[in-house]
Protein backbone atom coordinates (compact mmCIF):
# COMPACT_ATOMS: atom_id res chain seq x y z
CA MET A 1 0.42 0.12 0.30
CA GLY A 2 2.26 3.13 -1.43
CA LYS A 3 5.63 2.69 0.57
CA GLY A 4 6.72 4.60 -2.69
CA VAL A 5 3.82 7.26 -1.46
CA LYS A 6 5.34 10.73 -0.61
CA TRP A 7 3.58 11.87 2.19
CA ILE A 8 3.49 15.50 3.14
CA GLU A 9 2.73 16.80 6.33
CA LYS A 10 1.43 20.25 5.74
CA ALA A 11 1.82 22.93 8.28
CA LYS A 12 -1.55 24.55 8.35
CA LYS A 13 -3.07 24.57 12.50
CA TRP A 14 -6.52 25.30 13.04
CA THR A 15 -7.16 26.14 16.23
CA PHE A 16 -10.00 25.47 18.55
CA VAL A 17 -10.78 28.79 19.26
CA GLY A 18 -14.10 28.92 16.92
CA PHE A 19 -15.64 25.72 18.72
CA LEU A 20 -15.23 26.72 22.11
CA ALA A 21 -16.42 30.20 21.95
CA ALA A 22 -19.48 28.69 19.85
CA ALA A 23 -19.77 26.31 22.40
CA LEU A 24 -19.45 28.39 25.21
CA CYS A 25 -22.18 30.92 23.54
CA CYS A 26 -25.06 28.06 23.70
CA ILE A 27 -24.02 27.28 27.28
CA GLY A 28 -24.49 30.93 27.90
CA CYS A 29 -27.82 31.27 26.12
CA GLY A 30 -29.55 27.47 27.36
CA LYS A 31 -28.69 25.97 24.34
CA GLU A 32 -27.33 22.57 23.77
CA PRO A 33 -24.00 23.12 23.05
CA ILE A 34 -22.17 21.93 19.10
CA ASP A 35 -22.53 17.69 20.47
CA ASP A 36 -19.01 17.37 18.13
CA TYR A 37 -15.27 17.94 17.92
CA ALA A 38 -15.09 18.56 14.23
CA THR A 39 -17.07 21.60 13.09
CA ASN A 40 -17.33 25.27 13.22
CA VAL A 41 -13.35 25.17 14.26
CA GLY A 42 -11.33 28.11 14.47
CA TYR A 43 -9.84 29.38 11.45
CA ASP A 44 -6.26 31.01 11.16
CA LYS A 45 -5.79 32.85 8.22
CA SER A 46 -2.22 33.61 8.70
CA ALA A 47 -1.40 30.32 8.78
CA LYS A 48 1.23 29.77 5.74
CA ASP A 49 2.06 26.39 4.53
CA GLN A 50 6.07 26.32 4.21
CA ASN A 51 6.17 23.60 1.79
CA ASN A 52 3.84 24.93 -0.34
CA THR A 53 5.37 26.76 -3.12
CA LYS A 54 4.05 25.61 -6.27
CA GLU A 55 1.80 28.11 -7.84
CA SER A 56 -1.59 27.15 -9.28
CA LYS A 57 -4.39 28.76 -11.07
CA LYS A 58 -6.82 30.56 -8.26
CA ILE A 59 -10.07 29.78 -8.12
CA ALA A 60 -12.38 32.96 -6.74
CA LYS A 61 -13.99 31.93 -3.99
CA GLU A 62 -17.33 32.92 -5.12
CA ASP A 63 -16.61 30.21 -8.12
CA ILE A 64 -15.90 27.51 -6.13
CA LYS A 65 -17.75 24.83 -6.21
CA VAL A 66 -16.79 21.60 -3.31
CA GLY A 67 -18.36 18.18 -4.21
CA VAL A 68 -18.15 15.66 -1.69
CA LEU A 69 -19.26 11.56 -1.81
CA HIS A 70 -20.15 10.03 1.35
CA ILE A 71 -20.75 5.94 2.23
CA SER A 72 -24.11 6.76 4.18
CA ASP A 73 -25.96 9.66 5.41
CA PRO A 74 -24.84 12.57 7.29
CA ALA A 75 -28.00 13.11 8.61
CA ASP A 76 -27.47 9.53 10.62
CA GLY A 77 -26.01 11.85 13.54
CA SER A 78 -23.34 9.89 14.18
CA GLY A 79 -20.22 8.14 12.69
CA TYR A 80 -17.88 8.60 9.81
CA SER A 81 -20.31 10.04 7.00
CA TYR A 82 -21.33 12.63 9.92
CA THR A 83 -17.93 13.15 10.71
CA HIS A 84 -16.05 14.09 7.26
CA ASP A 85 -19.78 16.43 6.30
CA LEU A 86 -19.31 18.25 9.72
CA GLY A 87 -15.63 19.06 8.30
CA ILE A 88 -17.20 20.35 5.29
CA GLN A 89 -19.62 22.11 7.22
CA GLY A 90 -16.72 23.82 9.35
CA MET A 91 -14.70 24.48 6.20
CA GLN A 92 -17.92 26.03 4.52
CA LYS A 93 -18.29 28.38 7.65
CA ASN A 94 -15.24 29.36 7.52
CA LEU A 95 -14.47 30.15 4.13
CA GLY A 96 -17.72 32.15 3.91
CA LEU A 97 -19.33 29.72 1.16
CA SER A 98 -23.05 29.25 0.12
CA SER A 99 -25.09 26.28 0.58
CA LYS A 100 -25.57 26.34 -2.83
CA GLN A 101 -21.25 25.88 -3.40
CA ILE A 102 -21.78 22.60 -1.67
CA VAL A 103 -23.14 19.15 -3.48
CA ARG A 104 -23.35 16.11 -1.73
CA LYS A 105 -23.68 12.80 -2.67
CA ILE A 106 -24.67 10.42 -0.08
CA ASN A 107 -25.45 6.69 0.56
CA ILE A 108 -22.80 6.28 -2.22
CA ALA A 109 -21.87 2.45 -1.67
CA ASP A 110 -17.99 2.49 -2.17
CA SER A 111 -17.84 -0.85 -3.42
CA ASP A 112 -19.59 -0.07 -6.10
CA GLU A 113 -17.62 1.45 -9.16
CA LYS A 114 -19.84 2.48 -11.32
CA ALA A 115 -22.33 4.07 -8.47
CA THR A 116 -18.91 6.09 -7.59
CA LYS A 117 -17.95 7.07 -11.37
CA LYS A 118 -21.94 7.89 -11.46
CA ALA A 119 -21.55 10.24 -8.17
CA ILE A 120 -18.21 11.90 -9.44
CA GLN A 121 -19.78 12.58 -12.99
CA GLU A 122 -22.94 14.44 -11.16
CA CYS A 123 -20.75 16.26 -9.36
CA VAL A 124 -18.60 17.78 -12.20
CA ASP A 125 -21.94 18.26 -14.24
CA GLU A 126 -22.97 20.33 -11.31
CA GLY A 127 -20.11 22.73 -11.81
CA CYS A 128 -17.84 21.10 -8.78
CA ASN A 129 -14.39 22.19 -9.23
CA ILE A 130 -13.10 20.12 -6.46
CA ILE A 131 -14.56 16.84 -5.19
CA PHE A 132 -13.40 15.17 -2.26
CA THR A 133 -14.64 11.35 -2.05
CA THR A 134 -14.35 10.35 1.69
CA SER A 135 -14.16 6.30 1.96
CA TRP A 136 -11.48 4.00 0.52
CA GLY A 137 -13.57 1.86 -1.91
CA TYR A 138 -13.90 4.95 -4.21
CA MET A 139 -10.26 5.05 -4.39
CA LYS A 140 -10.02 3.47 -7.84
CA ALA A 141 -12.67 5.35 -9.62
CA THR A 142 -11.01 8.81 -8.52
CA ALA A 143 -8.07 8.38 -10.23
CA GLU A 144 -9.70 6.89 -13.37
CA MET A 145 -11.85 10.39 -13.03
CA ALA A 146 -9.31 12.26 -12.10
CA GLU A 147 -7.35 11.33 -15.60
CA LYS A 148 -10.50 11.75 -17.48
CA TYR A 149 -11.02 15.67 -16.09
CA PRO A 150 -7.05 16.91 -15.60
CA ASN A 151 -9.13 21.02 -15.15
CA ILE A 152 -10.53 19.69 -11.66
CA TYR A 153 -9.37 18.76 -8.78
CA PHE A 154 -10.04 15.60 -6.40
CA ALA A 155 -8.61 14.59 -3.20
CA HIS A 156 -9.70 10.42 -2.09
CA GLY A 157 -9.46 9.82 1.87
CA THR A 158 -8.01 7.09 3.43
CA GLY A 159 -6.37 5.91 -0.06
CA TYR A 160 -2.73 5.71 -1.54
CA MET A 161 -3.43 6.84 -5.00
CA SER A 162 -2.58 10.07 -6.16
CA ASN A 163 -0.96 11.66 -9.50
CA GLY A 164 0.98 14.79 -8.15
CA LYS A 165 -1.43 16.92 -10.10
CA ASN A 166 -5.28 17.08 -9.89
CA PHE A 167 -5.48 14.04 -7.60
CA VAL A 168 -4.47 13.67 -3.99
CA ASN A 169 -4.70 11.85 -0.79
CA TYR A 170 -5.61 12.65 2.21
CA PHE A 171 -5.42 11.21 6.04
CA GLY A 172 -3.91 11.35 9.29
CA ARG A 173 -1.99 10.25 12.21
CA ILE A 174 -5.51 8.38 14.02
CA TYR A 175 -3.09 6.17 15.85
CA GLN A 176 -1.76 8.88 18.14
CA ALA A 177 -5.33 9.27 19.06
CA ARG A 178 -6.17 5.41 19.54
CA TYR A 179 -3.01 4.81 21.82
CA LEU A 180 -4.40 7.86 24.16
CA SER A 181 -8.04 5.90 23.91
CA GLY A 182 -6.08 2.62 25.14
CA ILE A 183 -4.90 4.80 28.24
CA VAL A 184 -8.04 5.04 29.26
CA ALA A 185 -9.29 1.97 28.51
CA GLY A 186 -6.66 -0.20 30.07
CA MET A 187 -7.07 1.79 33.25
CA LYS A 188 -10.59 1.34 33.28
CA THR A 189 -11.66 -2.04 32.79
CA THR A 190 -11.63 -4.39 35.58
CA SER A 191 -12.15 -7.87 33.91
CA ASN A 192 -8.92 -6.94 31.36
CA LYS A 193 -10.79 -8.01 28.54
CA ILE A 194 -11.30 -5.11 25.98
CA GLY A 195 -14.06 -5.33 22.78
CA TYR A 196 -12.62 -4.22 19.78
CA VAL A 197 -15.22 -4.19 16.73
CA ALA A 198 -12.96 -3.76 13.64
CA ALA A 199 -13.90 -3.09 10.12
CA MET A 200 -11.20 -5.04 8.30
CA ASP A 201 -8.37 -7.31 9.15
CA THR A 202 -5.04 -7.23 8.66
CA GLN A 203 -5.07 -6.96 4.95
CA SER A 204 -5.91 -2.82 5.97
CA SER A 205 -3.14 -1.37 7.56
CA GLU A 206 -5.49 1.99 8.39
CA VAL A 207 -8.00 -0.47 10.46
CA THR A 208 -4.76 -2.79 12.07
CA GLY A 209 -2.46 0.11 12.80
CA GLY A 210 -5.13 1.58 14.94
CA ILE A 211 -5.76 -1.59 16.57
CA ASP A 212 -2.38 -1.74 17.66
CA ALA A 213 -2.05 1.52 18.87
CA PHE A 214 -4.82 1.43 21.20
CA ALA A 215 -3.14 -2.12 22.51
CA ILE A 216 -0.02 -0.81 22.67
CA GLY A 217 -1.61 2.07 24.73
CA VAL A 218 -3.32 -0.19 26.83
CA GLU A 219 -0.70 -2.13 27.91
CA SER A 220 1.63 1.12 28.39
CA VAL A 221 -0.65 0.99 32.19
CA ASN A 222 -2.13 -2.35 32.59
CA SER A 223 -0.05 -4.92 31.15
CA ASN A 224 -2.44 -8.19 31.62
CA ALA A 225 -5.77 -6.58 29.54
CA LYS A 226 -6.20 -8.56 26.64
CA ILE A 227 -7.99 -6.96 23.43
CA TYR A 228 -10.01 -9.17 21.63
CA VAL A 229 -11.28 -8.13 18.19
CA LYS A 230 -13.95 -9.20 15.85
CA VAL A 231 -14.05 -8.01 12.10
CA THR A 232 -16.47 -7.29 10.22
CA ASN A 233 -15.32 -7.32 6.58
CA SER A 234 -16.72 -4.28 5.79
CA TRP A 235 -16.83 -0.35 6.61
CA TYR A 236 -20.57 -0.27 6.66
CA ASP A 237 -22.89 -2.74 8.37
CA PRO A 238 -25.12 -1.57 11.07
CA VAL A 239 -26.40 -5.55 11.52
CA LYS A 240 -22.53 -6.75 12.38
CA GLU A 241 -21.32 -3.84 13.84
CA LYS A 242 -23.85 -4.19 16.52
CA GLN A 243 -23.82 -8.12 17.30
CA TYR A 244 -20.37 -8.38 17.16
CA ALA A 245 -20.13 -5.60 20.23
CA LYS A 246 -22.86 -7.86 22.20
CA ASP A 247 -20.81 -10.47 20.92
CA LEU A 248 -17.74 -9.27 23.03
CA VAL A 249 -19.89 -8.29 25.68
CA LYS A 250 -21.15 -12.13 26.49
CA LEU A 251 -16.92 -12.99 26.28
CA GLY A 252 -16.93 -10.60 29.34
CA CYS A 253 -15.31 -7.85 27.60
CA ASP A 254 -16.44 -4.45 30.10
CA VAL A 255 -14.90 -1.65 27.43
CA LEU A 256 -15.62 -1.80 23.88
CA THR A 257 -14.07 0.04 21.32
CA GLN A 258 -14.28 0.04 17.67
CA HIS A 259 -13.50 1.21 14.41
CA CYS A 260 -16.81 0.61 12.25
CA ASP A 261 -19.04 3.58 11.22
CA THR A 262 -22.02 3.16 13.17
CA ALA A 263 -22.13 4.11 17.51
CA TYR A 264 -23.79 0.59 18.20
CA PRO A 265 -20.83 -0.55 19.88
CA GLN A 266 -21.41 2.49 22.51
CA THR A 267 -25.61 1.76 22.74
CA VAL A 268 -24.43 -1.87 23.54
CA ALA A 269 -22.09 -1.14 26.01
CA GLN A 270 -24.66 1.52 27.57
CA ASP A 271 -27.13 -1.32 27.53
CA ASN A 272 -25.25 -3.71 29.05
CA GLY A 273 -23.70 -1.80 31.87
CA VAL A 274 -20.30 -1.12 30.44
CA TYR A 275 -18.38 1.08 28.79
CA GLY A 276 -17.34 2.24 25.34
CA ILE A 277 -14.71 4.33 23.41
CA GLY A 278 -16.29 6.03 20.14
CA TYR A 279 -15.01 6.69 17.01
CA ASN A 280 -15.14 9.28 14.21
CA SER A 281 -17.84 11.87 16.29
CA ASP A 282 -17.93 12.60 20.27
CA MET A 283 -20.28 9.77 20.71
CA ARG A 284 -21.24 10.95 24.36
CA LYS A 285 -24.65 11.90 23.27
CA GLU A 286 -25.70 8.28 21.82
CA ALA A 287 -24.22 6.32 25.09
CA PRO A 288 -23.56 9.20 28.01
CA ASN A 289 -23.44 6.75 30.70
CA ALA A 290 -20.72 4.39 29.12
CA CYS A 291 -18.50 6.36 26.76
CA LEU A 292 -15.22 7.23 28.33
CA THR A 293 -13.95 8.99 25.41
CA SER A 294 -14.09 9.20 21.61
CA VAL A 295 -11.13 8.96 19.26
CA VAL A 296 -12.86 11.75 16.70
CA TRP A 297 -11.12 13.55 13.44
CA ASN A 298 -11.21 17.73 12.90
CA TRP A 299 -11.54 17.18 8.87
CA SER A 300 -13.04 20.94 9.09
CA ALA A 301 -8.86 21.77 9.11
CA TYR A 302 -8.50 19.87 6.01
CA TYR A 303 -11.16 20.62 4.17
CA THR A 304 -10.46 24.45 5.12
CA ALA A 305 -6.55 24.05 3.76
CA THR A 306 -7.43 22.51 0.43
CA VAL A 307 -9.84 24.77 -0.41
CA GLN A 308 -8.10 27.44 0.84
CA SER A 309 -5.37 26.61 -1.84
CA LEU A 310 -7.62 26.82 -4.49
CA ILE A 311 -8.69 30.45 -3.84
CA ASP A 312 -4.79 31.37 -2.78
CA GLY A 313 -3.53 29.31 -5.94
CA THR A 314 -1.23 27.45 -4.12
CA TRP A 315 -2.98 23.95 -4.55
CA ASP A 316 0.73 21.88 -5.55
CA GLY A 317 -0.70 18.49 -5.42
CA SER A 318 0.94 16.76 -1.94
CA ASN A 319 -0.25 14.60 -0.39
CA TYR A 320 -1.24 15.60 3.68
CA TYR A 321 -1.23 13.34 6.10
CA GLY A 322 -1.94 15.04 9.57
CA GLY A 323 -1.66 14.47 12.95
CA MET A 324 -1.97 15.66 16.63
CA ASN A 325 0.46 18.83 15.78
CA GLU A 326 -1.81 20.12 13.10
CA GLY A 327 -4.97 19.54 15.12
CA LEU A 328 -6.23 17.06 12.90
CA VAL A 329 -7.00 14.32 15.62
CA GLN A 330 -7.29 14.06 19.30
CA ILE A 331 -9.59 12.25 21.99
CA THR A 332 -13.09 14.10 23.46
CA ASP A 333 -12.93 15.44 26.81
CA LEU A 334 -12.96 12.23 29.03
CA ALA A 335 -16.26 11.44 31.41
CA ASP A 336 -16.15 12.06 34.91
CA PHE A 337 -16.26 8.52 35.54
CA CYS A 338 -13.12 7.17 34.37
CA ALA A 339 -10.73 5.46 36.62
CA LYS A 340 -8.98 7.64 38.68
CA GLY A 341 -6.22 9.33 37.50
CA THR A 342 -6.52 8.67 34.07
CA GLN A 343 -6.40 12.34 32.82
CA GLU A 344 -3.21 12.58 34.15
CA LYS A 345 -2.05 9.42 32.50
CA VAL A 346 -3.39 10.75 29.00
CA ASP A 347 -2.07 14.87 29.72
CA LEU A 348 1.30 13.31 29.80
CA ALA A 349 1.19 10.65 26.79
CA LYS A 350 -0.40 13.57 24.79
CA GLU A 351 2.38 15.82 25.57
CA LYS A 352 5.12 13.41 24.65
CA LEU A 353 3.65 12.72 21.39
CA ILE A 354 3.01 16.04 20.49
CA ALA A 355 6.83 16.94 21.31
CA GLY A 356 7.67 13.95 19.38
CA LYS A 357 9.46 11.86 22.39
CA CYS A 358 6.79 9.12 22.05
CA ASN A 359 5.33 7.82 18.44
CA VAL A 360 3.32 5.04 19.52
CA PHE A 361 5.84 2.57 17.07
CA ASP A 362 8.63 2.52 18.49
CA GLY A 363 11.71 0.26 19.45
CA VAL A 364 11.00 -3.38 18.67
CA LEU A 365 6.97 -4.39 18.98
CA GLU A 366 6.15 -7.81 19.86
CA THR A 367 3.37 -9.54 17.37
CA ASN A 368 0.84 -11.81 18.78
CA THR A 369 2.54 -14.45 16.94
CA GLY A 370 5.66 -13.83 18.62
CA LYS A 371 7.55 -11.76 15.81
CA LYS A 372 9.75 -9.27 16.17
CA ILE A 373 9.13 -5.55 14.44
CA GLY A 374 10.94 -2.78 14.38
CA LYS A 375 14.15 -2.07 16.15
CA LYS A 376 15.68 -0.55 19.02
CA GLY A 377 15.68 3.45 19.18
CA GLU A 378 14.10 3.77 16.19
CA THR A 379 10.05 4.22 15.23
CA LEU A 380 8.24 3.02 12.14
CA ASP A 381 7.83 4.73 9.47
CA ASP A 382 5.46 6.49 8.10
CA ALA A 383 5.21 4.48 4.65
CA THR A 384 5.21 1.46 7.27
CA ILE A 385 2.30 2.88 9.04
CA THR A 386 0.36 3.57 6.72
CA GLY A 387 0.49 0.65 4.47
CA GLY A 388 2.59 -2.23 6.18
CA ILE A 389 1.33 -2.74 9.38
CA ASP A 390 -0.46 -6.18 8.75
CA TRP A 391 0.21 -7.81 12.47
CA TYR A 392 -1.30 -7.77 15.57
CA TYR A 393 0.33 -6.27 18.91
CA LYS A 394 1.16 -9.33 21.23
CA ASN A 395 -2.12 -8.50 23.74
CA ILE A 396 -4.52 -8.90 21.08
CA LYS A 397 -6.72 -11.89 20.18
CA VAL A 398 -9.03 -12.55 17.17
CA VAL A 399 -12.72 -13.45 17.93
CA LYS A 400 -13.87 -15.19 14.87
C-alpha cells in the first residue's frame, strides 16, 4: 500500500477557538452546545504552508463549488459520514461559502465503482471544481475520473493513490489518538477484557495500525489486559456492528471500542452496563452513561486548508498526512466516570506525542505470533504505518 508514496505534512494549524466560543455561547444562551469536535473550528488565516511553494491557477471564492461523496447519510447523526460532513460544514463556515456551493452525494456504496463514477460525474456536471471522495473504496474510480478531467481537482480520503497534479490523497495520524484512548480503556477495565469491533482484518493497515496503537496504549498502563477483536469485513455494516458488540460483551469485555461507522458498540455498551470508546464523532450523545471518550477527526482542518489553496492558487498536488500537531486528530474530553488518574496519564502521554518524544510504534514491538517488528532506538516510518502493518500486537486476540 504505497511505500513509494510521498507523504507531506502540511504546516497549517487550525485552532479550536471557534468551537469553544460557539459552545460557550450556546451554554450561556441556554441552548445545547455543539456536540462534536469537528465543526465550527477557528480558522487561522495567517497560517502559511512552508512546503507549498508551487503556484496554481487561482479560483475566485464565489466560483468555488465543492463536491463530496459519502458512504452513508450524514443525517444519521453519528459516525464516519457525519464527521466528514461536519468537516465540510466547518470549511464552508470558515471560508464563507454558500450552501449552493456544496454538492453532496450520499449513500454511495464504495464497493460499487459504477455508482461511484456516476456520483462523481454528477458533481462534475453540476460545476464542481473540487471533489472529495471520503471512503477507501472510491479510490480507483476517483483516480480514473481525475485523469478524465485534468482541470478539476480531486482528493481521496484514506487511500494511497495520487498523481501529483489534480489528484491527491489525505489521511492522518489517527493512531496517536488511538494510543491515548488505549490508556483510558486500560485504566478502566476490571475484567481485563477489552472488545474491539473492526471493519477490516490485517489486510488493512489503516484498521490494524489503529488496533495496534490502541493495544500499545492499553499495555502502557495495564499489562494484564487483552484486546479481543471481531472483524465485520465491511466499512459499513450496522447489523454486524451491533451483533459483534453484543458478542464481545458476552465474552466478558467491560470496555468496547471500534473502527466501524455506527455508534452501536457504544449503545450496546450502555445497554449492558459496560463502557465504551467512540470513533469518528463524539459519541457521548448516543451513550452518555457509557462513553469514556471518543477518538475523533477534525476534518475541517484539512478541508479548509485544501479549498483555501484553490482560492490562493497554492494547490501543489501534495498528499496530506496530519496529526495532533495539526489539530486533525484528538480524543474528546474524558467522562467523569473514567478511572482515577486517567486524565494525568493521558495528559502526559499527549505531551510526549506532540513533542515527538513518543511516536507510538517505537523500538522493538512483539506481535501476537511472537514475531519482532522494528528496531531499538527507532520508530516505524510513515510508509510502514500507512501500508505495512499487517500484524497484531502481542496483547490482541482475534475472535471468530
